């Protein structure tokens, strides 16, 4: 089995009002120095993974497409120098529509990127401005068209519902416009209010006007109905894909399988050890310059914890957790560990159990976090 690799580009034009990811405005940042540090970090794992090919690469952020063409070439040269790839490897890159042009898209294709994830988030100009996005609806539509012209045949659109001031009709129009473009993949996320973000501070002050809980639930339910009717497979709580276009990289996370992460704030999980890098760019670069791994946290996962995490992460997938897969991975029957809990959640209508697999019901998807808590050790 191959390896999944994540590369974090923490730079943005500006931080969005909802974002708590390790990302920072690019002005004044030593981007070239950061890329060099990341290349050095990768080199330290080269011997450790010798003989293992990369099956998926995901370049995320931040805004990876903020990098200049020369910086993108430097980044991918470092990646190719330190890793070998399977012939059919999935190579994804996140892009903001406000940072793309035809030249950059052509370069990304030349560098081997075969899956593009566009952070559209919305197609209403007022809502985009409210989110703090730097692009307009027109730029989002143009970016998609340019990507198609550059030869991208696997494009994801990120969209958000439940936004301040959003109506159900406005959300329907946005999703209908998105589907009309014909992307291979659509990610539909409900807004999560994070502490210390601008939205989080507004929420604390009572000034953030959000759709109520019932409206948000209807937006989510309609999304699933509409996208399924439009030919998309609802394969994970927030993700929909045309047949065969499910994101292979993200499924590694949901199956709790091994991956390596590089860059500020990036996480890795191998040999039941979870590692997380320093979030601050300056601290990350300083530690790497000293010849040390930039690890802020390192935790060995106990067997019971690994089983627990694998169970609730696997339930994010609409196919659920297969009993045969669980037995093969852990050498123990799923029902020996979770039989009583599964039965109780089935009786509440939150899980479905067909004998071969356990998965969330439609009601369980709406209350997913409550279900996941039942599988904590």
Protein backbone atom coordinates (compact mmCIF):
# COMPACT_ATOMS: atom_id res chain seq x y z
CA UNK A 1 0.00 0.00 0.00
CA UNK A 2 1.33 3.44 -0.93
CA UNK A 3 1.83 6.50 1.22
CA UNK A 4 -0.29 9.64 1.47
CA UNK A 5 1.66 12.91 1.69
CA UNK A 6 0.32 16.32 2.73
CA UNK A 7 2.25 19.55 2.08
CA UNK A 8 1.08 22.70 3.85
CA UNK A 9 1.39 26.16 2.29
CA UNK A 10 0.29 28.48 5.12
CA UNK A 11 0.15 31.73 3.15
CA UNK A 12 -2.95 33.67 2.06
CA UNK A 13 -3.63 37.11 0.66
CA UNK A 14 -5.59 37.67 3.86
CA UNK A 15 -7.21 35.51 6.50
CA UNK A 16 -10.90 34.72 6.05
CA UNK A 17 -13.35 35.62 8.81
CA UNK A 18 -14.19 31.99 9.67
CA UNK A 19 -10.73 30.41 9.38
CA UNK A 20 -8.71 28.96 12.28
CA UNK A 21 -6.32 26.89 10.13
CA UNK A 22 -2.57 27.55 10.48
CA UNK A 23 -2.52 30.22 7.76
CA UNK A 24 -1.14 33.74 7.65
CA UNK A 25 -1.22 36.81 5.37
CA UNK A 26 1.70 36.50 2.96
CA UNK A 27 2.86 40.12 3.18
CA UNK A 28 6.31 40.23 4.76
CA UNK A 29 6.69 36.46 4.92
CA UNK A 30 9.87 34.70 3.76
CA UNK A 31 8.11 32.36 1.35
CA UNK A 32 11.30 31.17 -0.36
CA UNK A 33 12.89 30.41 3.01
CA UNK A 34 9.80 28.49 4.07
CA UNK A 35 9.81 26.37 0.93
CA UNK A 36 13.51 25.62 1.44
CA UNK A 37 12.84 24.57 5.05
CA UNK A 38 10.04 22.31 3.93
CA UNK A 39 12.30 20.69 1.33
CA UNK A 40 14.85 20.05 4.06
CA UNK A 41 12.20 18.53 6.33
CA UNK A 42 11.15 16.18 3.52
CA UNK A 43 14.73 15.06 2.98
CA UNK A 44 14.95 13.73 6.54
CA UNK A 45 12.25 11.14 5.77
CA UNK A 46 13.72 10.00 2.47
CA UNK A 47 15.61 7.05 3.93
CA UNK A 48 12.78 6.11 6.28
CA UNK A 49 10.32 5.58 3.44
CA UNK A 50 12.75 4.16 0.87
CA UNK A 51 10.93 1.67 -1.33
CA UNK A 52 7.50 3.12 -0.56
CA UNK A 53 5.76 4.97 -3.35
CA UNK A 54 3.40 7.90 -2.82
CA UNK A 55 -0.15 7.13 -3.90
CA UNK A 56 -1.67 10.52 -3.04
CA UNK A 57 -0.22 14.00 -2.60
CA UNK A 58 -2.30 16.89 -1.32
CA UNK A 59 -0.92 20.44 -1.38
CA UNK A 60 -3.18 22.43 0.94
CA UNK A 61 -3.25 25.66 2.87
CA UNK A 62 -3.63 28.48 3.25
CA UNK A 63 -3.60 29.17 -0.43
CA UNK A 64 -1.03 27.11 -2.36
CA UNK A 65 -1.96 28.91 -5.57
CA UNK A 66 -0.61 32.14 -4.07
CA UNK A 67 2.90 30.87 -4.88
CA UNK A 68 4.62 32.39 -7.89
CA UNK A 69 5.37 30.09 -10.81
CA UNK A 70 9.03 29.81 -9.88
CA UNK A 71 8.13 28.94 -6.30
CA UNK A 72 5.74 26.24 -7.48
CA UNK A 73 8.52 24.77 -9.62
CA UNK A 74 10.88 24.81 -6.62
CA UNK A 75 8.26 23.11 -4.42
CA UNK A 76 7.52 20.30 -6.83
CA UNK A 77 11.19 19.77 -7.57
CA UNK A 78 11.76 19.25 -3.84
CA UNK A 79 8.80 16.86 -3.65
CA UNK A 80 9.94 14.82 -6.67
CA UNK A 81 13.51 14.73 -5.34
CA UNK A 82 12.44 13.18 -2.05
CA UNK A 83 9.55 10.92 -3.07
CA UNK A 84 8.72 8.49 -5.83
CA UNK A 85 5.14 8.29 -7.04
CA UNK A 86 2.87 5.52 -8.19
CA UNK A 87 2.04 5.77 -11.89
CA UNK A 88 -1.59 6.67 -11.17
CA UNK A 89 -0.95 8.82 -8.09
CA UNK A 90 -3.60 11.39 -7.23
CA UNK A 91 -1.92 14.82 -6.96
CA UNK A 92 -4.23 17.52 -5.60
CA UNK A 93 -3.69 21.22 -5.05
CA UNK A 94 -5.98 23.74 -3.36
CA UNK A 95 -6.46 27.01 -5.20
CA UNK A 96 -8.22 30.30 -4.57
CA UNK A 97 -9.97 31.64 -7.68
CA UNK A 98 -8.47 35.08 -6.99
CA UNK A 99 -4.91 33.79 -7.39
CA UNK A 100 -5.15 31.86 -10.65
CA UNK A 101 -4.37 32.66 -14.25
CA UNK A 102 -3.96 30.51 -17.36
CA UNK A 103 -0.16 30.48 -17.14
CA UNK A 104 -0.21 29.16 -13.56
CA UNK A 105 -2.81 26.52 -14.37
CA UNK A 106 -0.78 25.29 -17.33
CA UNK A 107 2.29 25.09 -15.11
CA UNK A 108 0.41 23.09 -12.47
CA UNK A 109 -0.59 20.59 -15.15
CA UNK A 110 3.04 20.35 -16.29
CA UNK A 111 4.14 19.76 -12.69
CA UNK A 112 1.83 16.76 -12.43
CA UNK A 113 -1.16 18.18 -10.57
CA UNK A 114 -4.16 16.15 -11.75
CA UNK A 115 -6.80 17.23 -9.25
CA UNK A 116 -7.67 20.85 -8.53
CA UNK A 117 -9.70 21.95 -5.51
CA UNK A 118 -11.17 25.43 -5.96
CA UNK A 119 -12.09 27.28 -2.77
CA UNK A 120 -15.19 28.91 -4.22
CA UNK A 121 -17.19 28.86 -0.92
CA UNK A 122 -20.06 30.85 -2.44
CA UNK A 123 -21.39 32.55 -5.56
CA UNK A 124 -23.15 35.47 -3.90
CA UNK A 125 -21.00 38.64 -3.96
CA UNK A 126 -22.29 39.91 -0.63
CA UNK A 127 -21.66 36.62 1.15
CA UNK A 128 -18.17 36.28 -0.34
CA UNK A 129 -17.34 39.75 0.99
CA UNK A 130 -18.83 38.83 4.38
CA UNK A 131 -16.59 35.74 4.51
CA UNK A 132 -13.53 37.83 3.74
CA UNK A 133 -12.83 36.06 0.45
CA UNK A 134 -10.69 37.89 -2.10
CA UNK A 135 -12.54 36.72 -5.21
CA UNK A 136 -15.85 37.55 -6.85
CA UNK A 137 -18.40 35.10 -8.29
CA UNK A 138 -17.20 36.07 -11.75
CA UNK A 139 -13.60 35.20 -10.87
CA UNK A 140 -14.73 31.83 -9.52
CA UNK A 141 -16.56 30.99 -12.74
CA UNK A 142 -13.60 32.22 -14.81
CA UNK A 143 -11.14 30.14 -12.76
CA UNK A 144 -13.20 27.01 -13.42
CA UNK A 145 -13.30 27.77 -17.15
CA UNK A 146 -9.54 28.42 -17.27
CA UNK A 147 -8.88 25.17 -15.42
CA UNK A 148 -10.91 23.25 -17.98
CA UNK A 149 -9.07 24.99 -20.82
CA UNK A 150 -5.76 24.06 -19.17
CA UNK A 151 -6.82 20.42 -19.28
CA UNK A 152 -7.98 19.69 -15.74
CA UNK A 153 -10.51 16.87 -15.82
CA UNK A 154 -10.83 16.38 -12.05
CA UNK A 155 -11.99 19.54 -10.27
CA UNK A 156 -13.53 19.94 -6.82
CA UNK A 157 -15.54 22.95 -5.71
CA UNK A 158 -15.60 23.84 -2.01
CA UNK A 159 -18.90 25.45 -0.97
CA UNK A 160 -20.31 26.58 2.39
CA UNK A 161 -23.86 26.84 3.69
CA UNK A 162 -25.34 28.19 6.90
CA UNK A 163 -23.53 31.51 6.39
CA UNK A 164 -24.49 34.82 8.03
CA UNK A 165 -27.33 36.30 6.02
CA UNK A 166 -27.74 33.24 3.78
CA UNK A 167 -31.27 32.18 2.83
CA UNK A 168 -32.37 28.72 1.77
CA UNK A 169 -33.22 30.06 -1.68
CA UNK A 170 -29.81 31.70 -1.96
CA UNK A 171 -28.12 28.41 -1.10
CA UNK A 172 -30.19 26.53 -3.67
CA UNK A 173 -29.19 29.00 -6.37
CA UNK A 174 -25.51 28.71 -5.44
CA UNK A 175 -25.50 24.92 -5.53
CA UNK A 176 -27.47 24.83 -8.77
CA UNK A 177 -24.95 27.18 -10.39
CA UNK A 178 -22.09 25.02 -9.14
CA UNK A 179 -23.61 21.79 -10.49
CA UNK A 180 -24.28 23.45 -13.85
CA UNK A 181 -20.50 23.84 -14.27
CA UNK A 182 -20.10 20.06 -14.16
CA UNK A 183 -17.32 19.60 -11.57
CA UNK A 184 -16.28 16.05 -10.79
CA UNK A 185 -16.43 16.64 -7.03
CA UNK A 186 -18.27 19.01 -4.68
CA UNK A 187 -17.53 19.53 -0.98
CA UNK A 188 -20.42 21.06 0.95
CA UNK A 189 -19.50 22.33 4.39
CA UNK A 190 -21.70 23.86 7.05
CA UNK A 191 -20.16 26.91 8.69
CA UNK A 192 -18.45 26.10 11.99
CA UNK A 193 -17.87 29.00 14.35
CA UNK A 194 -14.31 28.82 15.70
CA UNK A 195 -13.14 30.70 18.76
CA UNK A 196 -10.91 33.75 18.27
CA UNK A 197 -11.82 34.11 14.59
CA UNK A 198 -13.67 37.31 13.54
CA UNK A 199 -16.87 35.27 13.25
CA UNK A 200 -16.18 33.68 16.62
CA UNK A 201 -15.82 37.09 18.24
CA UNK A 202 -19.03 38.32 16.60
CA UNK A 203 -20.83 35.21 17.81
CA UNK A 204 -19.62 35.78 21.37
CA UNK A 205 -20.85 39.38 21.17
CA UNK A 206 -24.24 38.22 19.88
CA UNK A 207 -23.92 40.15 16.61
CA UNK A 208 -23.53 37.27 14.15
CA UNK A 209 -26.84 36.67 12.38
CA UNK A 210 -26.94 33.01 11.38
CA UNK A 211 -29.72 30.88 9.88
CA UNK A 212 -31.42 28.96 12.66
CA UNK A 213 -30.78 25.28 13.31
CA UNK A 214 -33.81 24.09 11.34
CA UNK A 215 -32.84 26.21 8.32
CA UNK A 216 -29.29 24.83 8.39
CA UNK A 217 -30.63 21.28 8.62
CA UNK A 218 -32.89 21.88 5.61
CA UNK A 219 -29.97 23.32 3.63
CA UNK A 220 -27.92 20.21 4.38
CA UNK A 221 -30.74 17.80 3.59
CA UNK A 222 -31.64 19.53 0.32
CA UNK A 223 -27.97 19.51 -0.72
CA UNK A 224 -27.85 15.73 -0.45
CA UNK A 225 -31.09 15.26 -2.33
CA UNK A 226 -30.15 17.65 -5.14
CA UNK A 227 -26.60 16.41 -5.60
CA UNK A 228 -27.67 12.77 -5.56
CA UNK A 229 -30.35 13.51 -8.16
CA UNK A 230 -27.64 15.28 -10.20
CA UNK A 231 -25.52 12.12 -10.36
CA UNK A 232 -23.13 12.67 -7.47
CA UNK A 233 -22.32 9.93 -4.99
CA UNK A 234 -22.65 11.08 -1.37
CA UNK A 235 -19.62 9.19 -0.08
CA UNK A 236 -18.73 11.19 3.04
CA UNK A 237 -20.73 13.48 5.31
CA UNK A 238 -19.69 16.65 3.44
CA UNK A 239 -18.42 15.25 0.14
CA UNK A 240 -20.00 14.28 -3.16
CA UNK A 241 -18.36 12.90 -6.29
CA UNK A 242 -19.19 11.60 -9.71
CA UNK A 243 -18.61 7.83 -9.85
CA UNK A 244 -14.91 7.05 -9.50
CA UNK A 245 -13.94 10.65 -8.61
CA UNK A 246 -13.97 10.36 -4.83
CA UNK A 247 -10.94 12.04 -3.25
CA UNK A 248 -8.47 9.23 -2.57
CA UNK A 249 -6.27 11.33 -0.30
CA UNK A 250 -8.99 12.36 2.13
CA UNK A 251 -10.20 8.79 2.39
CA UNK A 252 -6.83 7.95 3.96
CA UNK A 253 -7.74 10.24 6.87
CA UNK A 254 -11.25 8.84 7.21
CA UNK A 255 -9.87 5.30 7.30
CA UNK A 256 -7.23 6.34 9.82
CA UNK A 257 -4.42 5.07 7.60
CA UNK A 258 -0.81 6.27 7.41
CA UNK A 259 0.19 9.67 6.08
CA UNK A 260 3.07 12.12 6.30
CA UNK A 261 2.62 15.89 6.61
CA UNK A 262 5.18 18.60 5.93
CA UNK A 263 5.20 22.29 6.77
CA UNK A 264 3.93 24.49 9.59
CA UNK A 265 1.07 22.87 11.49
CA UNK A 266 1.12 19.71 9.37
CA UNK A 267 0.31 16.38 11.01
CA UNK A 268 1.61 12.86 10.36
CA UNK A 269 0.35 9.44 11.43
CA UNK A 270 2.53 6.33 11.03
CA UNK A 271 3.30 3.28 13.16
CA UNK A 272 0.53 4.39 15.57
CA UNK A 273 2.45 7.62 16.27
CA UNK A 274 0.80 10.99 15.65
CA UNK A 275 3.10 13.97 15.10
CA UNK A 276 2.21 17.64 14.66
CA UNK A 277 4.59 20.38 13.53
CA UNK A 278 4.88 23.85 15.02
CA UNK A 279 2.08 26.07 13.69
CA UNK A 280 3.99 29.35 13.62
CA UNK A 281 5.98 29.77 10.41
CA UNK A 282 8.93 31.48 12.08
CA UNK A 283 9.24 28.83 14.77
CA UNK A 284 8.91 26.04 12.22
CA UNK A 285 11.69 27.51 10.07
CA UNK A 286 13.95 28.20 13.06
CA UNK A 287 13.77 24.62 14.32
CA UNK A 288 14.42 23.18 10.85
CA UNK A 289 17.41 25.51 10.43
CA UNK A 290 18.86 23.96 13.60
CA UNK A 291 18.71 20.54 11.96
CA UNK A 292 15.86 19.28 14.13
CA UNK A 293 12.46 17.86 13.26
CA UNK A 294 9.92 20.68 13.83
CA UNK A 295 7.67 18.60 16.08
CA UNK A 296 5.50 20.44 18.58
CA UNK A 297 3.60 17.33 19.64
CA UNK A 298 4.27 13.60 19.43
CA UNK A 299 1.84 11.02 20.76
CA UNK A 300 1.87 7.26 20.58
CA UNK A 301 -1.64 5.95 20.04
CA UNK A 302 -2.69 3.10 22.31
CA UNK A 303 -4.39 0.15 20.57
CA UNK A 304 -7.78 0.98 22.11
CA UNK A 305 -7.47 4.58 20.97
CA UNK A 306 -6.56 3.53 17.42
CA UNK A 307 -9.61 1.29 17.26
CA UNK A 308 -11.81 4.09 18.59
CA UNK A 309 -10.49 6.67 16.14
CA UNK A 310 -10.78 4.26 13.23
CA UNK A 311 -14.39 3.54 14.12
CA UNK A 312 -15.66 7.10 14.38
CA UNK A 313 -13.61 8.39 11.47
CA UNK A 314 -14.84 5.49 9.35
CA UNK A 315 -18.42 6.39 10.16
CA UNK A 316 -17.88 9.68 8.32
CA UNK A 317 -17.97 7.61 5.14
CA UNK A 318 -21.50 6.85 4.02
CA UNK A 319 -20.44 3.26 3.30
CA UNK A 320 -19.62 3.06 7.00
CA UNK A 321 -17.29 0.53 8.62
CA UNK A 322 -17.24 -2.96 7.14
CA UNK A 323 -17.03 -5.80 9.64
CA UNK A 324 -14.64 -7.81 7.44
CA UNK A 325 -12.30 -4.83 7.08
CA UNK A 326 -12.39 -4.17 10.83
CA UNK A 327 -11.51 -7.81 11.57
CA UNK A 328 -8.69 -7.83 9.03
CA UNK A 329 -7.19 -4.65 10.42
CA UNK A 330 -7.46 -5.30 14.14
CA UNK A 331 -7.80 -9.08 14.42
CA UNK A 332 -10.96 -8.77 16.47
CA UNK A 333 -14.65 -8.74 15.60
CA UNK A 334 -16.31 -5.32 15.55
CA UNK A 335 -19.15 -6.65 17.68
CA UNK A 336 -16.75 -7.84 20.37
CA UNK A 337 -15.70 -4.23 20.87
CA UNK A 338 -18.80 -2.22 19.98
CA UNK A 339 -21.73 -4.63 19.74
CA UNK A 340 -23.74 -3.09 22.58
CA UNK A 341 -23.07 0.48 21.47
CA UNK A 342 -24.01 -0.27 17.87
CA UNK A 343 -27.22 -1.96 18.95
CA UNK A 344 -28.17 0.99 21.16
CA UNK A 345 -27.56 3.51 18.37
CA UNK A 346 -29.48 1.38 15.88
CA UNK A 347 -32.44 1.34 18.27
CA UNK A 348 -32.29 5.16 18.40
CA UNK A 349 -32.33 5.34 14.62
CA UNK A 350 -28.86 6.87 14.40
CA UNK A 351 -27.04 3.89 12.87
CA UNK A 352 -27.92 1.35 10.21
CA UNK A 353 -26.61 -2.22 10.47
CA UNK A 354 -27.02 -4.56 7.50
CA UNK A 355 -24.87 -7.32 8.98
CA UNK A 356 -21.91 -6.55 6.71
CA UNK A 357 -21.36 -2.92 7.75
CA UNK A 358 -22.39 -0.26 10.21
CA UNK A 359 -23.14 3.24 8.92
CA UNK A 360 -24.85 6.47 9.88
CA UNK A 361 -28.56 6.82 9.14
CA UNK A 362 -29.88 10.08 7.68
CA UNK A 363 -30.74 11.16 11.23
CA UNK A 364 -27.32 10.01 12.41
CA UNK A 365 -25.59 12.21 9.85
CA UNK A 366 -27.32 15.27 11.31
CA UNK A 367 -26.22 14.21 14.81
CA UNK A 368 -22.86 12.78 13.73
CA UNK A 369 -20.77 14.29 16.52
CA UNK A 370 -23.09 12.80 19.15
CA UNK A 371 -22.74 9.39 17.50
CA UNK A 372 -18.95 9.67 17.30
CA UNK A 373 -18.76 10.42 21.02
CA UNK A 374 -20.29 7.01 21.70
CA UNK A 375 -17.15 5.39 20.30
CA UNK A 376 -14.62 7.31 22.38
CA UNK A 377 -12.53 4.99 24.61
